[in-house]
């Protein structure tokens, strides 16, 4: 099984068509509380308009994730060690 980063890269590459990537993409950044953020643009993808059930998991102040679709974006946030879980949540939905 390919690792999550490889799968995320493949999802991005599959949508790069010479135009999509000029307006849309994926952003992974850090949060100041501290933690992680992943934002994936959905326009022009098979995920645009697909139903997503919001995920909220709070194990502790540093072990948590919140993932939802807002407008035309998947938005995932989580604690310091939860980036892989956020990516996995996105990719599971994308499959």
PDB file of N, CA and C in Angstrom:
ATOM      1  N   UNK A   1       0.846  -1.195   0.000  1.00  0.00           N
ATOM      2  CA  UNK A   1       0.000   0.000   0.000  1.00  0.00           C
ATOM      3  C   UNK A   1       0.886   1.251   0.000  1.00  0.00           C
ATOM      4  N   UNK A   2       0.542   2.164  -0.830  1.00  0.00           N
ATOM      5  CA  UNK A   2       1.320   3.402  -0.912  1.00  0.00           C
ATOM      6  C   UNK A   2       1.047   4.254   0.316  1.00  0.00           C
ATOM      7  N   UNK A   3       2.044   5.021   0.697  1.00  0.00           N
ATOM      8  CA  UNK A   3       1.833   5.869   1.869  1.00  0.00           C
ATOM      9  C   UNK A   3       0.917   7.045   1.535  1.00  0.00           C
ATOM     10  N   UNK A   4       0.438   7.674   2.579  1.00  0.00           N
ATOM     11  CA  UNK A   4      -0.561   8.730   2.426  1.00  0.00           C
ATOM     12  C   UNK A   4      -0.065   9.907   1.595  1.00  0.00           C
ATOM     13  N   UNK A   5       1.188  10.291   1.775  1.00  0.00           N
ATOM     14  CA  UNK A   5       1.709  11.422   1.012  1.00  0.00           C
ATOM     15  C   UNK A   5       1.745  11.099  -0.477  1.00  0.00           C
ATOM     16  N   UNK A   6       2.127   9.877  -0.819  1.00  0.00           N
ATOM     17  CA  UNK A   6       2.110   9.472  -2.229  1.00  0.00           C
ATOM     18  C   UNK A   6       0.690   9.520  -2.792  1.00  0.00           C
ATOM     19  N   UNK A   7      -0.270   9.043  -2.023  1.00  0.00           N
ATOM     20  CA  UNK A   7      -1.661   9.054  -2.472  1.00  0.00           C
ATOM     21  C   UNK A   7      -2.179  10.483  -2.636  1.00  0.00           C
ATOM     22  N   UNK A   8      -1.810  11.371  -1.721  1.00  0.00           N
ATOM     23  CA  UNK A   8      -2.223  12.769  -1.827  1.00  0.00           C
ATOM     24  C   UNK A   8      -1.613  13.397  -3.080  1.00  0.00           C
ATOM     25  N   UNK A   9      -0.350  13.096  -3.323  1.00  0.00           N
ATOM     26  CA  UNK A   9       0.305  13.595  -4.534  1.00  0.00           C
ATOM     27  C   UNK A   9      -0.408  13.093  -5.782  1.00  0.00           C
ATOM     28  N   UNK A  10      -0.787  11.813  -5.787  1.00  0.00           N
ATOM     29  CA  UNK A  10      -1.484  11.250  -6.941  1.00  0.00           C
ATOM     30  C   UNK A  10      -2.832  11.932  -7.165  1.00  0.00           C
ATOM     31  N   UNK A  11      -3.547  12.226  -6.072  1.00  0.00           N
ATOM     32  CA  UNK A  11      -4.827  12.917  -6.210  1.00  0.00           C
ATOM     33  C   UNK A  11      -4.603  14.273  -6.871  1.00  0.00           C
ATOM     34  N   UNK A  12      -3.598  15.007  -6.413  1.00  0.00           N
ATOM     35  CA  UNK A  12      -3.289  16.317  -6.976  1.00  0.00           C
ATOM     36  C   UNK A  12      -2.906  16.197  -8.456  1.00  0.00           C
ATOM     37  N   UNK A  13      -1.993  15.290  -8.756  1.00  0.00           N
ATOM     38  CA  UNK A  13      -1.531  15.103 -10.135  1.00  0.00           C
ATOM     39  C   UNK A  13      -2.692  14.756 -11.061  1.00  0.00           C
ATOM     40  N   UNK A  14      -3.626  13.936 -10.574  1.00  0.00           N
ATOM     41  CA  UNK A  14      -4.768  13.523 -11.392  1.00  0.00           C
ATOM     42  C   UNK A  14      -5.644  14.697 -11.798  1.00  0.00           C
ATOM     43  N   UNK A  15      -5.563  15.789 -11.067  1.00  0.00           N
ATOM     44  CA  UNK A  15      -6.406  16.951 -11.369  1.00  0.00           C
ATOM     45  C   UNK A  15      -5.657  18.073 -12.089  1.00  0.00           C
ATOM     46  N   UNK A  16      -4.349  17.936 -12.198  1.00  0.00           N
ATOM     47  CA  UNK A  16      -3.560  18.928 -12.935  1.00  0.00           C
ATOM     48  C   UNK A  16      -3.756  18.688 -14.431  1.00  0.00           C
ATOM     49  N   UNK A  17      -4.432  19.617 -15.065  1.00  0.00           N
ATOM     50  CA  UNK A  17      -4.756  19.459 -16.484  1.00  0.00           C
ATOM     51  C   UNK A  17      -4.296  20.650 -17.314  1.00  0.00           C
ATOM     52  N   UNK A  18      -3.415  21.440 -16.744  1.00  0.00           N
ATOM     53  CA  UNK A  18      -2.950  22.636 -17.446  1.00  0.00           C
ATOM     54  C   UNK A  18      -3.729  23.878 -17.079  1.00  0.00           C
ATOM     55  N   UNK A  19      -4.883  23.709 -16.432  1.00  0.00           N
ATOM     56  CA  UNK A  19      -5.703  24.844 -16.019  1.00  0.00           C
ATOM     57  C   UNK A  19      -6.049  24.802 -14.538  1.00  0.00           C
ATOM     58  N   UNK A  20      -6.540  23.629 -14.062  1.00  0.00           N
ATOM     59  CA  UNK A  20      -7.017  23.503 -12.683  1.00  0.00           C
ATOM     60  C   UNK A  20      -5.982  24.001 -11.674  1.00  0.00           C
ATOM     61  N   UNK A  21      -4.739  23.594 -11.860  1.00  0.00           N
ATOM     62  CA  UNK A  21      -3.686  23.926 -10.888  1.00  0.00           C
ATOM     63  C   UNK A  21      -3.326  25.412 -10.857  1.00  0.00           C
ATOM     64  N   UNK A  22      -3.775  26.177 -11.829  1.00  0.00           N
ATOM     65  CA  UNK A  22      -3.511  27.618 -11.819  1.00  0.00           C
ATOM     66  C   UNK A  22      -4.450  28.363 -10.873  1.00  0.00           C
ATOM     67  N   UNK A  23      -5.606  27.772 -10.586  1.00  0.00           N
ATOM     68  CA  UNK A  23      -6.573  28.412  -9.692  1.00  0.00           C
ATOM     69  C   UNK A  23      -6.780  27.647  -8.397  1.00  0.00           C
ATOM     70  N   UNK A  24      -6.508  26.340  -8.427  1.00  0.00           N
ATOM     71  CA  UNK A  24      -6.855  25.480  -7.297  1.00  0.00           C
ATOM     72  C   UNK A  24      -5.667  24.633  -6.875  1.00  0.00           C
ATOM     73  N   UNK A  25      -5.825  23.940  -5.748  1.00  0.00           N
ATOM     74  CA  UNK A  25      -4.752  23.071  -5.288  1.00  0.00           C
ATOM     75  C   UNK A  25      -5.008  22.574  -3.876  1.00  0.00           C
ATOM     76  N   UNK A  26      -3.920  22.209  -3.219  1.00  0.00           N
ATOM     77  CA  UNK A  26      -3.946  21.714  -1.849  1.00  0.00           C
ATOM     78  C   UNK A  26      -2.941  22.534  -1.054  1.00  0.00           C
ATOM     79  N   UNK A  27      -3.341  22.926   0.145  1.00  0.00           N
ATOM     80  CA  UNK A  27      -2.440  23.676   1.026  1.00  0.00           C
ATOM     81  C   UNK A  27      -2.345  22.966   2.369  1.00  0.00           C
ATOM     82  N   UNK A  28      -1.128  22.726   2.813  1.00  0.00           N
ATOM     83  CA  UNK A  28      -0.885  22.186   4.147  1.00  0.00           C
ATOM     84  C   UNK A  28      -0.092  23.242   4.900  1.00  0.00           C
ATOM     85  N   UNK A  29      -0.646  23.682   6.020  1.00  0.00           N
ATOM     86  CA  UNK A  29       0.010  24.716   6.822  1.00  0.00           C
ATOM     87  C   UNK A  29      -0.070  24.341   8.299  1.00  0.00           C
ATOM     88  N   UNK A  30       0.627  25.113   9.085  1.00  0.00           N
ATOM     89  CA  UNK A  30       0.580  24.908  10.526  1.00  0.00           C
ATOM     90  C   UNK A  30      -0.392  25.900  11.160  1.00  0.00           C
ATOM     91  N   UNK A  31      -0.888  25.521  12.324  1.00  0.00           N
ATOM     92  CA  UNK A  31      -1.774  26.373  13.114  1.00  0.00           C
ATOM     93  C   UNK A  31      -0.992  26.912  14.299  1.00  0.00           C
ATOM     94  N   UNK A  32      -1.451  28.010  14.860  1.00  0.00           N
ATOM     95  CA  UNK A  32      -0.735  28.608  15.987  1.00  0.00           C
ATOM     96  C   UNK A  32      -1.151  28.062  17.345  1.00  0.00           C
ATOM     97  N   UNK A  33      -2.027  27.058  17.372  1.00  0.00           N
ATOM     98  CA  UNK A  33      -2.481  26.588  18.691  1.00  0.00           C
ATOM     99  C   UNK A  33      -1.729  25.390  19.270  1.00  0.00           C
ATOM    100  N   UNK A  34      -0.755  24.761  18.873  1.00  0.00           N
ATOM    101  CA  UNK A  34      -0.256  24.493  17.521  1.00  0.00           C
ATOM    102  C   UNK A  34      -0.946  23.282  16.917  1.00  0.00           C
ATOM    103  N   UNK A  35      -0.769  23.117  15.626  1.00  0.00           N
ATOM    104  CA  UNK A  35      -1.372  22.004  14.927  1.00  0.00           C
ATOM    105  C   UNK A  35      -1.207  22.146  13.429  1.00  0.00           C
ATOM    106  N   UNK A  36      -2.092  21.451  12.692  1.00  0.00           N
ATOM    107  CA  UNK A  36      -2.006  21.373  11.239  1.00  0.00           C
ATOM    108  C   UNK A  36      -3.319  21.747  10.577  1.00  0.00           C
ATOM    109  N   UNK A  37      -3.203  22.211   9.339  1.00  0.00           N
ATOM    110  CA  UNK A  37      -4.360  22.521   8.508  1.00  0.00           C
ATOM    111  C   UNK A  37      -4.120  21.967   7.112  1.00  0.00           C
ATOM    112  N   UNK A  38      -5.137  21.326   6.542  1.00  0.00           N
ATOM    113  CA  UNK A  38      -5.092  20.885   5.151  1.00  0.00           C
ATOM    114  C   UNK A  38      -6.339  21.443   4.474  1.00  0.00           C
ATOM    115  N   UNK A  39      -6.140  22.153   3.385  1.00  0.00           N
ATOM    116  CA  UNK A  39      -7.257  22.696   2.608  1.00  0.00           C
ATOM    117  C   UNK A  39      -7.090  22.208   1.177  1.00  0.00           C
ATOM    118  N   UNK A  40      -8.113  21.531   0.671  1.00  0.00           N
ATOM    119  CA  UNK A  40      -8.092  21.035  -0.700  1.00  0.00           C
ATOM    120  C   UNK A  40      -9.257  21.663  -1.463  1.00  0.00           C
ATOM    121  N   UNK A  41      -8.939  22.289  -2.583  1.00  0.00           N
ATOM    122  CA  UNK A  41      -9.962  22.881  -3.436  1.00  0.00           C
ATOM    123  C   UNK A  41     -10.682  21.783  -4.208  1.00  0.00           C
ATOM    124  N   UNK A  42     -12.008  21.883  -4.279  1.00  0.00           N
ATOM    125  CA  UNK A  42     -12.822  20.835  -4.890  1.00  0.00           C
ATOM    126  C   UNK A  42     -13.374  21.157  -6.278  1.00  0.00           C
ATOM    127  N   UNK A  43     -13.444  22.438  -6.695  1.00  0.00           N
ATOM    128  CA  UNK A  43     -14.014  22.728  -8.012  1.00  0.00           C
ATOM    129  C   UNK A  43     -13.290  21.962  -9.124  1.00  0.00           C
ATOM    130  N   UNK A  44     -14.081  21.415 -10.037  1.00  0.00           N
ATOM    131  CA  UNK A  44     -13.511  20.704 -11.166  1.00  0.00           C
ATOM    132  C   UNK A  44     -13.037  19.297 -10.840  1.00  0.00           C
ATOM    133  N   UNK A  45     -13.338  18.812  -9.619  1.00  0.00           N
ATOM    134  CA  UNK A  45     -12.954  17.452  -9.242  1.00  0.00           C
ATOM    135  C   UNK A  45     -14.215  16.618  -9.033  1.00  0.00           C
ATOM    136  N   UNK A  46     -14.022  15.318  -8.925  1.00  0.00           N
ATOM    137  CA  UNK A  46     -15.141  14.415  -8.664  1.00  0.00           C
ATOM    138  C   UNK A  46     -15.735  14.624  -7.276  1.00  0.00           C
ATOM    139  N   UNK A  47     -15.053  15.365  -6.424  1.00  0.00           N
ATOM    140  CA  UNK A  47     -15.520  15.590  -5.058  1.00  0.00           C
ATOM    141  C   UNK A  47     -16.430  16.802  -4.923  1.00  0.00           C
ATOM    142  N   UNK A  48     -16.427  17.668  -5.922  1.00  0.00           N
ATOM    143  CA  UNK A  48     -17.269  18.858  -5.851  1.00  0.00           C
ATOM    144  C   UNK A  48     -18.734  18.439  -5.765  1.00  0.00           C
ATOM    145  N   UNK A  49     -19.403  18.856  -4.715  1.00  0.00           N
ATOM    146  CA  UNK A  49     -20.801  18.531  -4.518  1.00  0.00           C
ATOM    147  C   UNK A  49     -21.052  17.211  -3.814  1.00  0.00           C
ATOM    148  N   UNK A  50     -19.999  16.428  -3.582  1.00  0.00           N
ATOM    149  CA  UNK A  50     -20.168  15.145  -2.883  1.00  0.00           C
ATOM    150  C   UNK A  50     -20.396  15.405  -1.404  1.00  0.00           C
ATOM    151  N   UNK A  51     -21.321  14.674  -0.849  1.00  0.00           N
ATOM    152  CA  UNK A  51     -21.642  14.822   0.579  1.00  0.00           C
ATOM    153  C   UNK A  51     -20.468  14.352   1.442  1.00  0.00           C
ATOM    154  N   UNK A  52     -20.173  15.129   2.476  1.00  0.00           N
ATOM    155  CA  UNK A  52     -19.147  14.774   3.452  1.00  0.00           C
ATOM    156  C   UNK A  52     -19.720  14.991   4.840  1.00  0.00           C
ATOM    157  N   UNK A  53     -19.697  13.968   5.635  1.00  0.00           N
ATOM    158  CA  UNK A  53     -20.166  14.051   7.014  1.00  0.00           C
ATOM    159  C   UNK A  53     -19.021  14.592   7.874  1.00  0.00           C
ATOM    160  N   UNK A  54     -19.247  15.746   8.506  1.00  0.00           N
ATOM    161  CA  UNK A  54     -18.203  16.370   9.316  1.00  0.00           C
ATOM    162  C   UNK A  54     -17.638  15.388  10.339  1.00  0.00           C
ATOM    163  N   UNK A  55     -16.326  15.439  10.511  1.00  0.00           N
ATOM    164  CA  UNK A  55     -15.631  14.591  11.481  1.00  0.00           C
ATOM    165  C   UNK A  55     -15.093  15.487  12.591  1.00  0.00           C
ATOM    166  N   UNK A  56     -15.406  15.132  13.821  1.00  0.00           N
ATOM    167  CA  UNK A  56     -14.863  15.834  14.988  1.00  0.00           C
ATOM    168  C   UNK A  56     -14.435  14.790  15.997  1.00  0.00           C
ATOM    169  N   UNK A  57     -13.142  14.718  16.247  1.00  0.00           N
ATOM    170  CA  UNK A  57     -12.588  13.785  17.223  1.00  0.00           C
ATOM    171  C   UNK A  57     -11.711  14.573  18.169  1.00  0.00           C
ATOM    172  N   UNK A  58     -12.001  14.480  19.459  1.00  0.00           N
ATOM    173  CA  UNK A  58     -11.214  15.183  20.469  1.00  0.00           C
ATOM    174  C   UNK A  58     -10.777  14.183  21.534  1.00  0.00           C
ATOM    175  N   UNK A  59      -9.514  13.785  21.458  1.00  0.00           N
ATOM    176  CA  UNK A  59      -8.964  12.842  22.421  1.00  0.00           C
ATOM    177  C   UNK A  59      -8.284  13.571  23.576  1.00  0.00           C
ATOM    178  N   UNK A  60      -7.696  14.724  23.251  1.00  0.00           N
ATOM    179  CA  UNK A  60      -7.043  15.577  24.250  1.00  0.00           C
ATOM    180  C   UNK A  60      -6.815  16.946  23.619  1.00  0.00           C
ATOM    181  N   UNK A  61      -6.231  17.869  24.372  1.00  0.00           N
ATOM    182  CA  UNK A  61      -5.958  19.210  23.843  1.00  0.00           C
ATOM    183  C   UNK A  61      -4.981  19.183  22.666  1.00  0.00           C
ATOM    184  N   UNK A  62      -4.151  18.140  22.594  1.00  0.00           N
ATOM    185  CA  UNK A  62      -3.175  18.062  21.505  1.00  0.00           C
ATOM    186  C   UNK A  62      -3.451  16.939  20.515  1.00  0.00           C
ATOM    187  N   UNK A  63      -4.468  16.139  20.756  1.00  0.00           N
ATOM    188  CA  UNK A  63      -4.796  15.010  19.894  1.00  0.00           C
ATOM    189  C   UNK A  63      -6.251  15.139  19.454  1.00  0.00           C
ATOM    190  N   UNK A  64      -6.458  15.780  18.307  1.00  0.00           N
ATOM    191  CA  UNK A  64      -7.806  16.071  17.833  1.00  0.00           C
ATOM    192  C   UNK A  64      -7.797  16.323  16.330  1.00  0.00           C
ATOM    193  N   UNK A  65      -8.952  16.133  15.701  1.00  0.00           N
ATOM    194  CA  UNK A  65      -9.137  16.565  14.318  1.00  0.00           C
ATOM    195  C   UNK A  65     -10.565  17.079  14.129  1.00  0.00           C
ATOM    196  N   UNK A  66     -10.692  18.010  13.209  1.00  0.00           N
ATOM    197  CA  UNK A  66     -11.984  18.488  12.727  1.00  0.00           C
ATOM    198  C   UNK A  66     -11.836  18.577  11.214  1.00  0.00           C
ATOM    199  N   UNK A  67     -12.703  17.861  10.496  1.00  0.00           N
ATOM    200  CA  UNK A  67     -12.684  17.890   9.038  1.00  0.00           C
ATOM    201  C   UNK A  67     -14.101  18.162   8.546  1.00  0.00           C
ATOM    202  N   UNK A  68     -14.203  19.044   7.561  1.00  0.00           N
ATOM    203  CA  UNK A  68     -15.511  19.395   7.020  1.00  0.00           C
ATOM    204  C   UNK A  68     -15.337  19.958   5.607  1.00  0.00           C
ATOM    205  N   UNK A  69     -16.440  20.029   4.910  1.00  0.00           N
ATOM    206  CA  UNK A  69     -16.449  20.709   3.617  1.00  0.00           C
ATOM    207  C   UNK A  69     -17.155  22.033   3.834  1.00  0.00           C
ATOM    208  N   UNK A  70     -16.470  23.101   3.478  1.00  0.00           N
ATOM    209  CA  UNK A  70     -17.030  24.458   3.557  1.00  0.00           C
ATOM    210  C   UNK A  70     -16.977  25.050   2.165  1.00  0.00           C
ATOM    211  N   UNK A  71     -18.120  25.427   1.660  1.00  0.00           N
ATOM    212  CA  UNK A  71     -18.154  25.977   0.309  1.00  0.00           C
ATOM    213  C   UNK A  71     -17.636  24.948  -0.669  1.00  0.00           C
ATOM    214  N   UNK A  72     -16.571  25.277  -1.323  1.00  0.00           N
ATOM    215  CA  UNK A  72     -15.997  24.391  -2.336  1.00  0.00           C
ATOM    216  C   UNK A  72     -14.623  23.885  -1.925  1.00  0.00           C
ATOM    217  N   UNK A  73     -14.444  23.717  -0.604  1.00  0.00           N
ATOM    218  CA  UNK A  73     -13.162  23.240  -0.084  1.00  0.00           C
ATOM    219  C   UNK A  73     -13.350  22.182   0.996  1.00  0.00           C
ATOM    220  N   UNK A  74     -12.460  21.207   0.992  1.00  0.00           N
ATOM    221  CA  UNK A  74     -12.314  20.312   2.132  1.00  0.00           C
ATOM    222  C   UNK A  74     -11.372  21.023   3.078  1.00  0.00           C
ATOM    223  N   UNK A  75     -11.741  21.097   4.363  1.00  0.00           N
ATOM    224  CA  UNK A  75     -10.900  21.760   5.354  1.00  0.00           C
ATOM    225  C   UNK A  75     -10.700  20.805   6.519  1.00  0.00           C
ATOM    226  N   UNK A  76      -9.439  20.477   6.786  1.00  0.00           N
ATOM    227  CA  UNK A  76      -9.108  19.598   7.897  1.00  0.00           C
ATOM    228  C   UNK A  76      -8.126  20.280   8.828  1.00  0.00           C
ATOM    229  N   UNK A  77      -8.375  20.140  10.116  1.00  0.00           N
ATOM    230  CA  UNK A  77      -7.527  20.746  11.134  1.00  0.00           C
ATOM    231  C   UNK A  77      -7.243  19.702  12.200  1.00  0.00           C
ATOM    232  N   UNK A  78      -6.099  19.807  12.839  1.00  0.00           N
ATOM    233  CA  UNK A  78      -5.801  18.836  13.882  1.00  0.00           C
ATOM    234  C   UNK A  78      -4.606  19.229  14.719  1.00  0.00           C
ATOM    235  N   UNK A  79      -4.366  18.420  15.730  1.00  0.00           N
ATOM    236  CA  UNK A  79      -3.274  18.644  16.655  1.00  0.00           C
ATOM    237  C   UNK A  79      -1.910  18.367  16.035  1.00  0.00           C
ATOM    238  N   UNK A  80      -0.889  18.534  16.858  1.00  0.00           N
ATOM    239  CA  UNK A  80       0.501  18.428  16.410  1.00  0.00           C
ATOM    240  C   UNK A  80       0.831  17.123  15.693  1.00  0.00           C
ATOM    241  N   UNK A  81       0.272  16.024  16.135  1.00  0.00           N
ATOM    242  CA  UNK A  81       0.604  14.719  15.561  1.00  0.00           C
ATOM    243  C   UNK A  81      -0.531  14.124  14.735  1.00  0.00           C
ATOM    244  N   UNK A  82      -1.419  14.974  14.243  1.00  0.00           N
ATOM    245  CA  UNK A  82      -2.606  14.473  13.550  1.00  0.00           C
ATOM    246  C   UNK A  82      -2.636  14.753  12.049  1.00  0.00           C
ATOM    247  N   UNK A  83      -1.542  15.209  11.470  1.00  0.00           N
ATOM    248  CA  UNK A  83      -1.542  15.514  10.033  1.00  0.00           C
ATOM    249  C   UNK A  83      -1.868  14.274   9.210  1.00  0.00           C
ATOM    250  N   UNK A  84      -1.273  13.139   9.516  1.00  0.00           N
ATOM    251  CA  UNK A  84      -1.564  11.918   8.756  1.00  0.00           C
ATOM    252  C   UNK A  84      -3.038  11.545   8.851  1.00  0.00           C
ATOM    253  N   UNK A  85      -3.631  11.722  10.011  1.00  0.00           N
ATOM    254  CA  UNK A  85      -5.047  11.390  10.193  1.00  0.00           C
ATOM    255  C   UNK A  85      -5.940  12.309   9.359  1.00  0.00           C
ATOM    256  N   UNK A  86      -5.562  13.564   9.251  1.00  0.00           N
ATOM    257  CA  UNK A  86      -6.317  14.512   8.421  1.00  0.00           C
ATOM    258  C   UNK A  86      -6.215  14.106   6.950  1.00  0.00           C
ATOM    259  N   UNK A  87      -5.007  13.801   6.510  1.00  0.00           N
ATOM    260  CA  UNK A  87      -4.806  13.381   5.114  1.00  0.00           C
ATOM    261  C   UNK A  87      -5.582  12.097   4.839  1.00  0.00           C
ATOM    262  N   UNK A  88      -5.519  11.151   5.762  1.00  0.00           N
ATOM    263  CA  UNK A  88      -6.240   9.886   5.601  1.00  0.00           C
ATOM    264  C   UNK A  88      -7.752  10.102   5.518  1.00  0.00           C
ATOM    265  N   UNK A  89      -8.272  11.027   6.318  1.00  0.00           N
ATOM    266  CA  UNK A  89      -9.703  11.336   6.279  1.00  0.00           C
ATOM    267  C   UNK A  89     -10.088  11.870   4.909  1.00  0.00           C
ATOM    268  N   UNK A  90      -9.274  12.781   4.371  1.00  0.00           N
ATOM    269  CA  UNK A  90      -9.542  13.325   3.044  1.00  0.00           C
ATOM    270  C   UNK A  90      -9.490  12.229   1.979  1.00  0.00           C
ATOM    271  N   UNK A  91      -8.436  11.424   2.003  1.00  0.00           N
ATOM    272  CA  UNK A  91      -8.257  10.402   0.975  1.00  0.00           C
ATOM    273  C   UNK A  91      -9.314   9.298   1.054  1.00  0.00           C
ATOM    274  N   UNK A  92      -9.738   8.945   2.246  1.00  0.00           N
ATOM    275  CA  UNK A  92     -10.794   7.948   2.403  1.00  0.00           C
ATOM    276  C   UNK A  92     -12.075   8.457   1.762  1.00  0.00           C
ATOM    277  N   UNK A  93     -12.383   9.735   1.984  1.00  0.00           N
ATOM    278  CA  UNK A  93     -13.554  10.344   1.362  1.00  0.00           C
ATOM    279  C   UNK A  93     -13.377  10.418  -0.162  1.00  0.00           C
ATOM    280  N   UNK A  94     -12.170  10.727  -0.614  1.00  0.00           N
ATOM    281  CA  UNK A  94     -11.913  10.865  -2.049  1.00  0.00           C
ATOM    282  C   UNK A  94     -12.038   9.534  -2.788  1.00  0.00           C
ATOM    283  N   UNK A  95     -11.786   8.429  -2.088  1.00  0.00           N
ATOM    284  CA  UNK A  95     -11.906   7.105  -2.726  1.00  0.00           C
ATOM    285  C   UNK A  95     -13.335   6.799  -2.883  1.00  0.00           C
TER     286      UNK A  95
END
